[in-house]
PDB file of N, CA and C in Angstrom:
ATOM      1  N   MET A   1       2.730  11.842 -11.759  1.00  0.00           N
ATOM      2  CA  MET A   1       1.440  11.528 -11.114  1.00  0.00           C
ATOM      3  C   MET A   1       0.955  10.147 -11.670  1.00  0.00           C
ATOM      4  N   MET A   2       0.925  10.038 -12.980  1.00  0.00           N
ATOM      5  CA  MET A   2       0.419   8.805 -13.619  1.00  0.00           C
ATOM      6  C   MET A   2       1.323   7.670 -13.296  1.00  0.00           C
ATOM      7  N   GLU A   3       2.661   7.983 -13.215  1.00  0.00           N
ATOM      8  CA  GLU A   3       3.623   6.919 -12.939  1.00  0.00           C
ATOM      9  C   GLU A   3       3.371   6.369 -11.531  1.00  0.00           C
ATOM     10  N   LEU A   4       3.109   7.196 -10.623  1.00  0.00           N
ATOM     11  CA  LEU A   4       2.784   6.789  -9.190  1.00  0.00           C
ATOM     12  C   LEU A   4       1.572   5.945  -9.138  1.00  0.00           C
ATOM     13  N   GLN A   5       0.527   6.335  -9.875  1.00  0.00           N
ATOM     14  CA  GLN A   5      -0.724   5.543  -9.935  1.00  0.00           C
ATOM     15  C   GLN A   5      -0.465   4.161 -10.567  1.00  0.00           C
ATOM     16  N   GLN A   6       0.332   4.197 -11.594  1.00  0.00           N
ATOM     17  CA  GLN A   6       0.676   2.943 -12.323  1.00  0.00           C
ATOM     18  C   GLN A   6       1.395   1.990 -11.414  1.00  0.00           C
ATOM     19  N   ARG A   7       2.405   2.505 -10.629  1.00  0.00           N
ATOM     20  CA  ARG A   7       3.130   1.702  -9.683  1.00  0.00           C
ATOM     21  C   ARG A   7       2.229   1.138  -8.616  1.00  0.00           C
ATOM     22  N   ALA A   8       1.235   1.937  -8.152  1.00  0.00           N
ATOM     23  CA  ALA A   8       0.306   1.470  -7.163  1.00  0.00           C
ATOM     24  C   ALA A   8      -0.578   0.408  -7.677  1.00  0.00           C
ATOM     25  N   LEU A   9      -1.059   0.523  -8.852  1.00  0.00           N
ATOM     26  CA  LEU A   9      -1.911  -0.534  -9.482  1.00  0.00           C
ATOM     27  C   LEU A   9      -1.163  -1.801  -9.685  1.00  0.00           C
ATOM     28  N   GLU A  10       0.059  -1.656 -10.092  1.00  0.00           N
ATOM     29  CA  GLU A  10       0.969  -2.910 -10.254  1.00  0.00           C
ATOM     30  C   GLU A  10       1.243  -3.541  -8.918  1.00  0.00           C
ATOM     31  N   PHE A  11       1.411  -2.720  -7.881  1.00  0.00           N
ATOM     32  CA  PHE A  11       1.643  -3.201  -6.548  1.00  0.00           C
ATOM     33  C   PHE A  11       0.484  -4.027  -6.003  1.00  0.00           C
ATOM     34  N   GLU A  12      -0.736  -3.654  -6.335  1.00  0.00           N
ATOM     35  CA  GLU A  12      -1.886  -4.360  -5.865  1.00  0.00           C
ATOM     36  C   GLU A  12      -1.996  -5.783  -6.407  1.00  0.00           C
ATOM     37  N   THR A  13      -1.426  -6.030  -7.563  1.00  0.00           N
ATOM     38  CA  THR A  13      -1.501  -7.370  -8.158  1.00  0.00           C
ATOM     39  C   THR A  13      -0.346  -8.282  -7.772  1.00  0.00           C
ATOM     40  N   ARG A  14       0.695  -7.741  -7.123  1.00  0.00           N
ATOM     41  CA  ARG A  14       1.830  -8.476  -6.760  1.00  0.00           C
ATOM     42  C   ARG A  14       1.596  -9.477  -5.619  1.00  0.00           C
ATOM     43  N   LYS A  15       2.302 -10.569  -5.632  1.00  0.00           N
ATOM     44  CA  LYS A  15       2.240 -11.552  -4.515  1.00  0.00           C
ATOM     45  C   LYS A  15       3.534 -11.386  -3.652  1.00  0.00           C
ATOM     46  N   PHE A  16       3.387 -11.538  -2.349  1.00  0.00           N
ATOM     47  CA  PHE A  16       4.515 -11.377  -1.455  1.00  0.00           C
ATOM     48  C   PHE A  16       4.710 -12.757  -0.730  1.00  0.00           C
ATOM     49  N   ARG A  17       5.685 -13.470  -1.125  1.00  0.00           N
ATOM     50  CA  ARG A  17       5.865 -14.857  -0.637  1.00  0.00           C
ATOM     51  C   ARG A  17       6.808 -14.922   0.570  1.00  0.00           C
ATOM     52  N   SER A  18       8.006 -14.385   0.444  1.00  0.00           N
ATOM     53  CA  SER A  18       8.979 -14.480   1.496  1.00  0.00           C
ATOM     54  C   SER A  18       8.852 -13.390   2.477  1.00  0.00           C
ATOM     55  N   ARG A  19       9.451 -13.551   3.606  1.00  0.00           N
ATOM     56  CA  ARG A  19       9.488 -12.487   4.700  1.00  0.00           C
ATOM     57  C   ARG A  19      10.095 -11.242   4.135  1.00  0.00           C
ATOM     58  N   ASN A  20      11.156 -11.378   3.401  1.00  0.00           N
ATOM     59  CA  ASN A  20      11.844 -10.246   2.824  1.00  0.00           C
ATOM     60  C   ASN A  20      10.934  -9.488   1.910  1.00  0.00           C
ATOM     61  N   ASP A  21      10.163 -10.198   1.095  1.00  0.00           N
ATOM     62  CA  ASP A  21       9.204  -9.582   0.164  1.00  0.00           C
ATOM     63  C   ASP A  21       8.157  -8.752   0.901  1.00  0.00           C
ATOM     64  N   LYS A  22       7.729  -9.272   2.006  1.00  0.00           N
ATOM     65  CA  LYS A  22       6.704  -8.601   2.788  1.00  0.00           C
ATOM     66  C   LYS A  22       7.246  -7.334   3.458  1.00  0.00           C
ATOM     67  N   ILE A  23       8.521  -7.412   3.917  1.00  0.00           N
ATOM     68  CA  ILE A  23       9.129  -6.223   4.505  1.00  0.00           C
ATOM     69  C   ILE A  23       9.233  -5.089   3.437  1.00  0.00           C
ATOM     70  N   ILE A  24       9.736  -5.433   2.330  1.00  0.00           N
ATOM     71  CA  ILE A  24       9.858  -4.498   1.178  1.00  0.00           C
ATOM     72  C   ILE A  24       8.512  -3.987   0.770  1.00  0.00           C
ATOM     73  N   ALA A  25       7.514  -4.838   0.726  1.00  0.00           N
ATOM     74  CA  ALA A  25       6.164  -4.454   0.307  1.00  0.00           C
ATOM     75  C   ALA A  25       5.586  -3.460   1.329  1.00  0.00           C
ATOM     76  N   SER A  26       5.743  -3.686   2.556  1.00  0.00           N
ATOM     77  CA  SER A  26       5.229  -2.789   3.584  1.00  0.00           C
ATOM     78  C   SER A  26       5.783  -1.397   3.381  1.00  0.00           C
ATOM     79  N   ARG A  27       7.119  -1.341   3.160  1.00  0.00           N
ATOM     80  CA  ARG A  27       7.778  -0.025   2.982  1.00  0.00           C
ATOM     81  C   ARG A  27       7.351   0.676   1.672  1.00  0.00           C
ATOM     82  N   GLU A  28       7.234  -0.117   0.616  1.00  0.00           N
ATOM     83  CA  GLU A  28       6.750   0.404  -0.647  1.00  0.00           C
ATOM     84  C   GLU A  28       5.347   0.912  -0.550  1.00  0.00           C
ATOM     85  N   ALA A  29       4.477   0.174   0.149  1.00  0.00           N
ATOM     86  CA  ALA A  29       3.044   0.578   0.265  1.00  0.00           C
ATOM     87  C   ALA A  29       2.996   1.898   1.016  1.00  0.00           C
ATOM     88  N   LYS A  30       3.754   2.049   2.065  1.00  0.00           N
ATOM     89  CA  LYS A  30       3.824   3.359   2.769  1.00  0.00           C
ATOM     90  C   LYS A  30       4.232   4.453   1.900  1.00  0.00           C
ATOM     91  N   GLU A  31       5.300   4.218   1.116  1.00  0.00           N
ATOM     92  CA  GLU A  31       5.787   5.275   0.181  1.00  0.00           C
ATOM     93  C   GLU A  31       4.737   5.662  -0.833  1.00  0.00           C
ATOM     94  N   LEU A  32       4.035   4.666  -1.410  1.00  0.00           N
ATOM     95  CA  LEU A  32       3.002   4.904  -2.377  1.00  0.00           C
ATOM     96  C   LEU A  32       1.837   5.643  -1.769  1.00  0.00           C
ATOM     97  N   ILE A  33       1.383   5.254  -0.632  1.00  0.00           N
ATOM     98  CA  ILE A  33       0.281   5.953   0.028  1.00  0.00           C
ATOM     99  C   ILE A  33       0.594   7.345   0.316  1.00  0.00           C
ATOM    100  N   LEU A  34       1.819   7.604   0.877  1.00  0.00           N
ATOM    101  CA  LEU A  34       2.159   9.014   1.114  1.00  0.00           C
ATOM    102  C   LEU A  34       2.273   9.881  -0.124  1.00  0.00           C
ATOM    103  N   GLY A  35       2.824   9.293  -1.189  1.00  0.00           N
ATOM    104  CA  GLY A  35       2.863   9.979  -2.453  1.00  0.00           C
ATOM    105  C   GLY A  35       1.548  10.302  -3.098  1.00  0.00           C
ATOM    106  N   LEU A  36       0.655   9.308  -3.025  1.00  0.00           N
ATOM    107  CA  LEU A  36      -0.677   9.523  -3.557  1.00  0.00           C
ATOM    108  C   LEU A  36      -1.487  10.551  -2.711  1.00  0.00           C
ATOM    109  N   ASN A  37      -1.171  10.530  -1.423  1.00  0.00           N
ATOM    110  CA  ASN A  37      -1.829  11.487  -0.503  1.00  0.00           C
ATOM    111  C   ASN A  37      -1.472  12.909  -0.881  1.00  0.00           C
ATOM    112  N   GLN A  38      -0.242  13.176  -1.246  1.00  0.00           N
ATOM    113  CA  GLN A  38       0.176  14.488  -1.640  1.00  0.00           C
ATOM    114  C   GLN A  38      -0.579  14.958  -2.870  1.00  0.00           C
ATOM    115  N   ILE A  39      -0.756  14.036  -3.818  1.00  0.00           N
ATOM    116  CA  ILE A  39      -1.525  14.378  -5.024  1.00  0.00           C
ATOM    117  C   ILE A  39      -2.927  14.605  -4.721  1.00  0.00           C
ATOM    118  N   TYR A  40      -3.528  13.741  -3.811  1.00  0.00           N
ATOM    119  CA  TYR A  40      -4.900  13.839  -3.441  1.00  0.00           C
ATOM    120  C   TYR A  40      -5.237  15.165  -2.791  1.00  0.00           C
ATOM    121  N   LYS A  41      -4.342  15.667  -1.977  1.00  0.00           N
ATOM    122  CA  LYS A  41      -4.514  16.943  -1.321  1.00  0.00           C
ATOM    123  C   LYS A  41      -4.790  18.041  -2.371  1.00  0.00           C
ATOM    124  N   LYS A  42      -4.164  17.990  -3.488  1.00  0.00           N
ATOM    125  CA  LYS A  42      -4.283  19.029  -4.556  1.00  0.00           C
ATOM    126  C   LYS A  42      -5.479  18.786  -5.407  1.00  0.00           C
ATOM    127  N   THR A  43      -5.776  17.515  -5.742  1.00  0.00           N
ATOM    128  CA  THR A  43      -6.791  17.225  -6.722  1.00  0.00           C
ATOM    129  C   THR A  43      -8.133  16.809  -6.158  1.00  0.00           C
ATOM    130  N   GLN A  44      -8.156  16.290  -4.912  1.00  0.00           N
ATOM    131  CA  GLN A  44      -9.382  15.796  -4.322  1.00  0.00           C
ATOM    132  C   GLN A  44     -10.129  14.747  -5.155  1.00  0.00           C
ATOM    133  N   ASP A  45      -9.254  13.940  -5.894  1.00  0.00           N
ATOM    134  CA  ASP A  45      -9.774  12.894  -6.818  1.00  0.00           C
ATOM    135  C   ASP A  45     -10.231  11.661  -5.977  1.00  0.00           C
ATOM    136  N   LYS A  46     -11.486  11.310  -6.117  1.00  0.00           N
ATOM    137  CA  LYS A  46     -12.025  10.206  -5.328  1.00  0.00           C
ATOM    138  C   LYS A  46     -11.386   8.861  -5.728  1.00  0.00           C
ATOM    139  N   ASN A  47     -10.898   8.744  -6.975  1.00  0.00           N
ATOM    140  CA  ASN A  47     -10.260   7.507  -7.371  1.00  0.00           C
ATOM    141  C   ASN A  47      -8.928   7.297  -6.652  1.00  0.00           C
ATOM    142  N   LEU A  48      -8.259   8.407  -6.352  1.00  0.00           N
ATOM    143  CA  LEU A  48      -6.980   8.293  -5.584  1.00  0.00           C
ATOM    144  C   LEU A  48      -7.316   7.876  -4.119  1.00  0.00           C
ATOM    145  N   MET A  49      -8.355   8.395  -3.593  1.00  0.00           N
ATOM    146  CA  MET A  49      -8.730   7.985  -2.197  1.00  0.00           C
ATOM    147  C   MET A  49      -9.055   6.498  -2.204  1.00  0.00           C
ATOM    148  N   ASP A  50      -9.811   6.011  -3.174  1.00  0.00           N
ATOM    149  CA  ASP A  50     -10.059   4.564  -3.238  1.00  0.00           C
ATOM    150  C   ASP A  50      -8.821   3.722  -3.353  1.00  0.00           C
ATOM    151  N   LEU A  51      -7.915   4.152  -4.174  1.00  0.00           N
ATOM    152  CA  LEU A  51      -6.638   3.483  -4.350  1.00  0.00           C
ATOM    153  C   LEU A  51      -5.822   3.443  -3.102  1.00  0.00           C
ATOM    154  N   MET A  52      -5.797   4.606  -2.382  1.00  0.00           N
ATOM    155  CA  MET A  52      -5.057   4.629  -1.106  1.00  0.00           C
ATOM    156  C   MET A  52      -5.700   3.628  -0.118  1.00  0.00           C
ATOM    157  N   LYS A  53      -7.014   3.598  -0.065  1.00  0.00           N
ATOM    158  CA  LYS A  53      -7.674   2.708   0.860  1.00  0.00           C
ATOM    159  C   LYS A  53      -7.326   1.216   0.545  1.00  0.00           C
ATOM    160  N   ARG A  54      -7.323   0.873  -0.753  1.00  0.00           N
ATOM    161  CA  ARG A  54      -6.994  -0.470  -1.087  1.00  0.00           C
ATOM    162  C   ARG A  54      -5.561  -0.820  -0.735  1.00  0.00           C
ATOM    163  N   LEU A  55      -4.624   0.140  -0.964  1.00  0.00           N
ATOM    164  CA  LEU A  55      -3.218  -0.068  -0.585  1.00  0.00           C
ATOM    165  C   LEU A  55      -3.071  -0.193   0.927  1.00  0.00           C
ATOM    166  N   THR A  56      -3.822   0.532   1.681  1.00  0.00           N
ATOM    167  CA  THR A  56      -3.789   0.460   3.186  1.00  0.00           C
ATOM    168  C   THR A  56      -4.226  -0.910   3.605  1.00  0.00           C
ATOM    169  N   VAL A  57      -5.230  -1.505   3.003  1.00  0.00           N
ATOM    170  CA  VAL A  57      -5.667  -2.800   3.349  1.00  0.00           C
ATOM    171  C   VAL A  57      -4.631  -3.791   3.120  1.00  0.00           C
ATOM    172  N   ILE A  58      -3.949  -3.757   1.925  1.00  0.00           N
ATOM    173  CA  ILE A  58      -2.861  -4.677   1.619  1.00  0.00           C
ATOM    174  C   ILE A  58      -1.719  -4.470   2.611  1.00  0.00           C
ATOM    175  N   LYS A  59      -1.355  -3.198   2.928  1.00  0.00           N
ATOM    176  CA  LYS A  59      -0.257  -2.967   3.850  1.00  0.00           C
ATOM    177  C   LYS A  59      -0.586  -3.538   5.219  1.00  0.00           C
ATOM    178  N   ARG A  60      -1.786  -3.416   5.676  1.00  0.00           N
ATOM    179  CA  ARG A  60      -2.183  -3.986   6.972  1.00  0.00           C
ATOM    180  C   ARG A  60      -2.097  -5.511   7.016  1.00  0.00           C
ATOM    181  N   LYS A  61      -2.522  -6.141   5.928  1.00  0.00           N
ATOM    182  CA  LYS A  61      -2.486  -7.553   5.854  1.00  0.00           C
ATOM    183  C   LYS A  61      -1.031  -8.073   5.880  1.00  0.00           C
ATOM    184  N   VAL A  62      -0.197  -7.384   5.149  1.00  0.00           N
ATOM    185  CA  VAL A  62       1.275  -7.717   5.064  1.00  0.00           C
ATOM    186  C   VAL A  62       1.880  -7.597   6.430  1.00  0.00           C
ATOM    187  N   GLU A  63       1.576  -6.474   7.087  1.00  0.00           N
ATOM    188  CA  GLU A  63       2.158  -6.230   8.442  1.00  0.00           C
ATOM    189  C   GLU A  63       1.645  -7.152   9.515  1.00  0.00           C
ATOM    190  N   LYS A  64       0.372  -7.594   9.345  1.00  0.00           N
ATOM    191  CA  LYS A  64      -0.191  -8.578  10.260  1.00  0.00           C
ATOM    192  C   LYS A  64       0.553  -9.897  10.136  1.00  0.00           C
ATOM    193  N   ARG A  65       0.915 -10.292   8.914  1.00  0.00           N
ATOM    194  CA  ARG A  65       1.658 -11.484   8.723  1.00  0.00           C
ATOM    195  C   ARG A  65       3.065 -11.385   9.302  1.00  0.00           C
ATOM    196  N   LEU A  66       3.617 -10.226   9.135  1.00  0.00           N
ATOM    197  CA  LEU A  66       5.017 -10.025   9.645  1.00  0.00           C
ATOM    198  C   LEU A  66       5.046 -10.028  11.166  1.00  0.00           C
ATOM    199  N   ASN A  67       4.045  -9.416  11.792  1.00  0.00           N
ATOM    200  CA  ASN A  67       4.047  -9.322  13.266  1.00  0.00           C
ATOM    201  C   ASN A  67       3.498 -10.613  13.924  1.00  0.00           C
ATOM    202  N   GLY A  68       2.855 -11.477  13.183  1.00  0.00           N
ATOM    203  CA  GLY A  68       2.294 -12.647  13.726  1.00  0.00           C
ATOM    204  C   GLY A  68       0.871 -12.424  14.311  1.00  0.00           C
ATOM    205  N   ARG A  69       0.225 -13.472  14.760  1.00  0.00           N
ATOM    206  CA  ARG A  69      -1.130 -13.402  15.217  1.00  0.00           C
ATOM    207  C   ARG A  69      -1.295 -12.809  16.664  1.00  0.00           C
ATOM    208  N   LEU A  70      -0.238 -12.579  17.369  1.00  0.00           N
ATOM    209  CA  LEU A  70      -0.363 -12.070  18.714  1.00  0.00           C
ATOM    210  C   LEU A  70      -0.974 -10.715  18.770  1.00  0.00           C
ATOM    211  N   MET A  71      -0.900  -9.985  17.663  1.00  0.00           N
ATOM    212  CA  MET A  71      -1.436  -8.594  17.637  1.00  0.00           C
ATOM    213  C   MET A  71      -2.947  -8.598  17.721  1.00  0.00           C
ATOM    214  N   ASP A  72      -3.638  -9.683  17.483  1.00  0.00           N
ATOM    215  CA  ASP A  72      -5.078  -9.749  17.402  1.00  0.00           C
ATOM    216  C   ASP A  72      -5.673  -9.745  18.833  1.00  0.00           C
ATOM    217  N   LEU A  73      -4.867 -10.086  19.837  1.00  0.00           N
ATOM    218  CA  LEU A  73      -5.382 -10.243  21.194  1.00  0.00           C
ATOM    219  C   LEU A  73      -5.825  -8.950  21.814  1.00  0.00           C
TER     220      LEU A  73
END
């Protein structure tokens, strides 16, 4: 549990420069969010929910860059 949270916190501070980095980051964010969600279901820890929300924002930004600006229309 703590290892997953630690990975998520480290993920938040990382920079994604290349397209390949962004693809990997999107997949990793999804994996982290799903893992944290399983823990959240058992503990109902508000800190986990906040962490999942922050990861979701990062994931959306990365995916927006991958898909291009046409998705905004």
